[in-house]
Amino acid sequence: MATSAGISRYKIDSDNWKHLTREDGLIEDQASTLAFKNDGTLIVGTQCHRLVK
């Protein structure tokens, strides 16, 4: 999930959520969109900076 406070990932096999922010290496916390490339690479669209892989 893209949120104004980072991104969150749900792992179905462990029924666990992980929340990622700047402290985890994101360029900013305000993520507005997520997309995947054909090779599985996650692309994060941010509100103020750019697209980030």
Protein backbone atom coordinates (compact mmCIF):
# COMPACT_ATOMS: atom_id res chain seq x y z
CA MET A 1 0.00 0.00 0.00
CA ALA A 2 1.20 3.50 -0.79
CA THR A 3 0.43 5.95 2.02
CA SER A 4 1.36 9.44 3.14
CA ALA A 5 3.49 7.82 5.85
CA GLY A 6 5.49 5.35 3.71
CA ILE A 7 4.58 2.03 2.13
CA SER A 8 3.22 -1.13 3.71
CA ARG A 9 3.66 -4.71 2.54
CA TYR A 10 1.55 -7.71 3.53
CA LYS A 11 3.07 -11.21 3.41
CA ILE A 12 0.26 -13.72 3.11
CA ASP A 13 2.38 -16.74 4.07
CA SER A 14 3.26 -15.27 7.48
CA ASP A 15 0.11 -13.10 7.88
CA ASN A 16 2.42 -10.16 8.62
CA TRP A 17 2.51 -6.45 7.67
CA LYS A 18 5.79 -4.55 7.25
CA HIS A 19 5.81 -0.75 7.12
CA LEU A 20 8.68 1.04 5.31
CA THR A 21 9.64 4.72 5.70
CA ARG A 22 12.64 7.01 5.12
CA GLU A 23 14.37 5.24 7.98
CA ASP A 24 14.28 2.09 5.80
CA GLY A 25 15.71 3.86 2.75
CA LEU A 26 12.71 5.45 1.01
CA ILE A 27 13.51 8.82 -0.58
CA GLU A 28 10.43 10.26 1.15
CA ASP A 29 7.49 8.99 3.20
CA GLN A 30 4.74 10.34 0.91
CA ALA A 31 4.21 7.51 -1.57
CA SER A 32 1.33 8.08 -3.97
CA THR A 33 1.42 5.04 -6.27
CA LEU A 34 3.00 1.61 -6.70
CA ALA A 35 3.68 -0.41 -9.85
CA PHE A 36 5.65 -3.52 -10.78
CA LYS A 37 7.91 -3.99 -13.80
CA ASN A 38 7.75 -7.29 -15.70
CA ASP A 39 10.80 -8.54 -13.78
CA GLY A 40 9.08 -7.93 -10.40
CA THR A 41 10.92 -4.69 -9.55
CA LEU A 42 8.72 -2.40 -7.45
CA ILE A 43 8.41 1.21 -8.65
CA VAL A 44 7.24 3.79 -6.07
CA GLY A 45 5.79 7.10 -7.23
CA THR A 46 6.34 9.84 -4.64
CA GLN A 47 4.40 13.07 -4.24
CA CYS A 48 7.34 15.48 -4.38
CA HIS A 49 10.45 13.78 -5.73
CA ARG A 50 10.22 11.18 -8.48
CA LEU A 51 9.75 7.53 -9.32
CA VAL A 52 11.99 5.26 -7.28
CA LYS A 53 12.95 1.58 -7.83
